[in-house]
Amino acid sequence: MNTPSDASAAKGSVVPVDPQPEPESKSKALTESVRRARPLPSGAELKGRWKQRIGAAKIAWGKLTEDELLKIEGHEEKLSGLIQQRYAITRNEAVKQVKAFFFKHRS
């Protein structure tokens, strides 16, 4: 089937080629600009945010005490390990729960 572009190519017309290289994906460029726009929080800021989230964590995982949650200081791996142990679930399930929690309660 002949399309208009096939016909013009057959007549010997030159199709312009963009000399610029393909830019990186827009989402990657956007991610880079967002990453540069927000500085990483300090350790004190992270601890402060964790203290604000302890109430929500106690609701999510009622078998964990406030003291245990305070000692964890928001470390995902430590929290996953404690949840795995206390609730007798797989490591993958604990990691999944923790990631979902932090995504839901991100600031």
C-alpha atoms as a PDB file:
ATOM      1  CA  MET A   1       0.000   0.000   0.000  1.00  0.00           C
ATOM      2  CA  ASN A   2       1.432   3.366  -0.960  1.00  0.00           C
ATOM      3  CA  THR A   3       1.302   6.175   1.554  1.00  0.00           C
ATOM      4  CA  PRO A   4       2.025   9.841   0.812  1.00  0.00           C
ATOM      5  CA  SER A   5       5.462   9.518   2.413  1.00  0.00           C
ATOM      6  CA  ASP A   6       6.234   6.497   0.194  1.00  0.00           C
ATOM      7  CA  ALA A   7       5.300   8.500  -2.871  1.00  0.00           C
ATOM      8  CA  SER A   8       7.500  11.477  -1.936  1.00  0.00           C
ATOM      9  CA  ALA A   9      10.420   9.181  -1.122  1.00  0.00           C
ATOM     10  CA  ALA A  10       9.987   7.455  -4.453  1.00  0.00           C
ATOM     11  CA  LYS A  11      10.138  10.815  -6.278  1.00  0.00           C
ATOM     12  CA  GLY A  12      13.601  11.416  -4.840  1.00  0.00           C
ATOM     13  CA  SER A  13      12.737  14.029  -2.231  1.00  0.00           C
ATOM     14  CA  VAL A  14      15.007  14.257   0.748  1.00  0.00           C
ATOM     15  CA  VAL A  15      13.543  13.618   4.148  1.00  0.00           C
ATOM     16  CA  PRO A  16      15.166  15.955   6.698  1.00  0.00           C
ATOM     17  CA  VAL A  17      16.983  14.242   9.537  1.00  0.00           C
ATOM     18  CA  ASP A  18      17.256  15.886  12.928  1.00  0.00           C
ATOM     19  CA  PRO A  19      20.994  16.288  13.622  1.00  0.00           C
ATOM     20  CA  GLN A  20      20.357  16.447  17.377  1.00  0.00           C
ATOM     21  CA  PRO A  21      20.832  13.181  19.265  1.00  0.00           C
ATOM     22  CA  GLU A  22      17.753  11.710  20.914  1.00  0.00           C
ATOM     23  CA  PRO A  23      17.314  13.340  24.317  1.00  0.00           C
ATOM     24  CA  GLU A  24      17.075  11.075  27.336  1.00  0.00           C
ATOM     25  CA  SER A  25      13.602  10.089  28.307  1.00  0.00           C
ATOM     26  CA  LYS A  26      11.515  12.907  29.705  1.00  0.00           C
ATOM     27  CA  SER A  27      10.828  11.012  32.912  1.00  0.00           C
ATOM     28  CA  LYS A  28      14.543  10.513  33.563  1.00  0.00           C
ATOM     29  CA  ALA A  29      15.241  14.191  32.908  1.00  0.00           C
ATOM     30  CA  LEU A  30      12.373  15.156  35.216  1.00  0.00           C
ATOM     31  CA  THR A  31      13.657  12.817  37.919  1.00  0.00           C
ATOM     32  CA  GLU A  32      17.104  14.387  37.665  1.00  0.00           C
ATOM     33  CA  SER A  33      15.705  17.914  37.973  1.00  0.00           C
ATOM     34  CA  VAL A  34      13.594  16.940  40.997  1.00  0.00           C
ATOM     35  CA  ARG A  35      16.577  15.227  42.598  1.00  0.00           C
ATOM     36  CA  ARG A  36      18.655  18.376  42.179  1.00  0.00           C
ATOM     37  CA  ALA A  37      15.851  20.577  43.491  1.00  0.00           C
ATOM     38  CA  ARG A  38      15.511  18.791  46.844  1.00  0.00           C
ATOM     39  CA  PRO A  39      18.568  18.444  49.045  1.00  0.00           C
ATOM     40  CA  LEU A  40      18.880  15.263  51.057  1.00  0.00           C
ATOM     41  CA  PRO A  41      17.548  15.634  54.598  1.00  0.00           C
ATOM     42  CA  SER A  42      19.985  15.507  57.490  1.00  0.00           C
ATOM     43  CA  GLY A  43      20.045  12.673  59.992  1.00  0.00           C
ATOM     44  CA  ALA A  44      18.291  14.862  62.552  1.00  0.00           C
ATOM     45  CA  GLU A  45      15.523  15.655  60.059  1.00  0.00           C
ATOM     46  CA  LEU A  46      15.047  11.967  59.280  1.00  0.00           C
ATOM     47  CA  LYS A  47      14.844  11.100  62.983  1.00  0.00           C
ATOM     48  CA  GLY A  48      12.334  13.901  63.507  1.00  0.00           C
ATOM     49  CA  ARG A  49      10.172  12.657  60.662  1.00  0.00           C
ATOM     50  CA  TRP A  50      10.339   9.117  62.052  1.00  0.00           C
ATOM     51  CA  LYS A  51       9.151  10.307  65.464  1.00  0.00           C
ATOM     52  CA  GLN A  52       6.152  11.873  63.735  1.00  0.00           C
ATOM     53  CA  ARG A  53       5.375   8.571  62.005  1.00  0.00           C
ATOM     54  CA  ILE A  54       5.650   6.342  65.072  1.00  0.00           C
ATOM     55  CA  GLY A  55       1.932   6.672  65.801  1.00  0.00           C
ATOM     56  CA  ALA A  56       1.064   5.453  62.318  1.00  0.00           C
ATOM     57  CA  ALA A  57       3.610   2.633  62.637  1.00  0.00           C
ATOM     58  CA  LYS A  58       2.034   1.542  65.940  1.00  0.00           C
ATOM     59  CA  ILE A  59      -1.335   1.384  64.194  1.00  0.00           C
ATOM     60  CA  ALA A  60       0.126  -0.617  61.283  1.00  0.00           C
ATOM     61  CA  TRP A  61       2.115  -3.013  63.479  1.00  0.00           C
ATOM     62  CA  GLY A  62       0.448  -3.149  66.906  1.00  0.00           C
ATOM     63  CA  LYS A  63       2.773  -5.878  68.176  1.00  0.00           C
ATOM     64  CA  LEU A  64       5.726  -3.447  68.099  1.00  0.00           C
ATOM     65  CA  THR A  65       6.298  -1.237  71.125  1.00  0.00           C
ATOM     66  CA  GLU A  66       6.988   2.469  71.001  1.00  0.00           C
ATOM     67  CA  ASP A  67      10.454   1.852  72.479  1.00  0.00           C
ATOM     68  CA  GLU A  68      11.276  -0.602  69.681  1.00  0.00           C
ATOM     69  CA  LEU A  69      10.082   1.854  67.064  1.00  0.00           C
ATOM     70  CA  LEU A  70      12.123   4.659  68.638  1.00  0.00           C
ATOM     71  CA  LYS A  71      15.275   2.486  68.613  1.00  0.00           C
ATOM     72  CA  ILE A  72      14.805   1.696  64.915  1.00  0.00           C
ATOM     73  CA  GLU A  73      14.967   5.429  64.079  1.00  0.00           C
ATOM     74  CA  GLY A  74      13.261   4.887  60.736  1.00  0.00           C
ATOM     75  CA  HIS A  75      15.752   2.386  59.304  1.00  0.00           C
ATOM     76  CA  GLU A  76      13.810   0.315  56.796  1.00  0.00           C
ATOM     77  CA  GLU A  77      15.991  -2.793  57.137  1.00  0.00           C
ATOM     78  CA  LYS A  78      15.780  -2.840  60.931  1.00  0.00           C
ATOM     79  CA  LEU A  79      12.033  -2.308  60.827  1.00  0.00           C
ATOM     80  CA  SER A  80      11.626  -5.086  58.238  1.00  0.00           C
ATOM     81  CA  GLY A  81      13.637  -7.476  60.393  1.00  0.00           C
ATOM     82  CA  LEU A  82      11.624  -6.713  63.511  1.00  0.00           C
ATOM     83  CA  ILE A  83       8.321  -7.087  61.660  1.00  0.00           C
ATOM     84  CA  GLN A  84       9.492 -10.365  60.133  1.00  0.00           C
ATOM     85  CA  GLN A  85      10.415 -11.706  63.550  1.00  0.00           C
ATOM     86  CA  ARG A  86       7.388 -10.456  65.469  1.00  0.00           C
ATOM     87  CA  TYR A  87       4.773 -11.429  62.887  1.00  0.00           C
ATOM     88  CA  ALA A  88       6.483 -14.626  61.633  1.00  0.00           C
ATOM     89  CA  ILE A  89       6.322 -13.572  57.982  1.00  0.00           C
ATOM     90  CA  THR A  90       8.844 -13.828  55.161  1.00  0.00           C
ATOM     91  CA  ARG A  91      11.524 -11.219  54.699  1.00  0.00           C
ATOM     92  CA  ASN A  92      10.021 -10.248  51.337  1.00  0.00           C
ATOM     93  CA  GLU A  93       6.587  -9.694  52.859  1.00  0.00           C
ATOM     94  CA  ALA A  94       8.065  -7.569  55.661  1.00  0.00           C
ATOM     95  CA  VAL A  95      10.054  -5.473  53.178  1.00  0.00           C
ATOM     96  CA  LYS A  96       6.925  -5.045  51.047  1.00  0.00           C
ATOM     97  CA  GLN A  97       4.929  -3.822  54.055  1.00  0.00           C
ATOM     98  CA  VAL A  98       7.649  -1.392  55.131  1.00  0.00           C
ATOM     99  CA  LYS A  99       8.067   0.053  51.645  1.00  0.00           C
ATOM    100  CA  ALA A 100       4.308   0.525  51.349  1.00  0.00           C
ATOM    101  CA  PHE A 101       4.254   2.222  54.771  1.00  0.00           C
ATOM    102  CA  PHE A 102       7.040   4.661  53.882  1.00  0.00           C
ATOM    103  CA  PHE A 103       5.459   5.395  50.494  1.00  0.00           C
ATOM    104  CA  LYS A 104       2.109   6.126  52.115  1.00  0.00           C
ATOM    105  CA  HIS A 105       3.667   8.304  54.834  1.00  0.00           C
ATOM    106  CA  ARG A 106       6.314  10.106  52.804  1.00  0.00           C
ATOM    107  CA  SER A 107       6.662  13.827  53.270  1.00  0.00           C
END
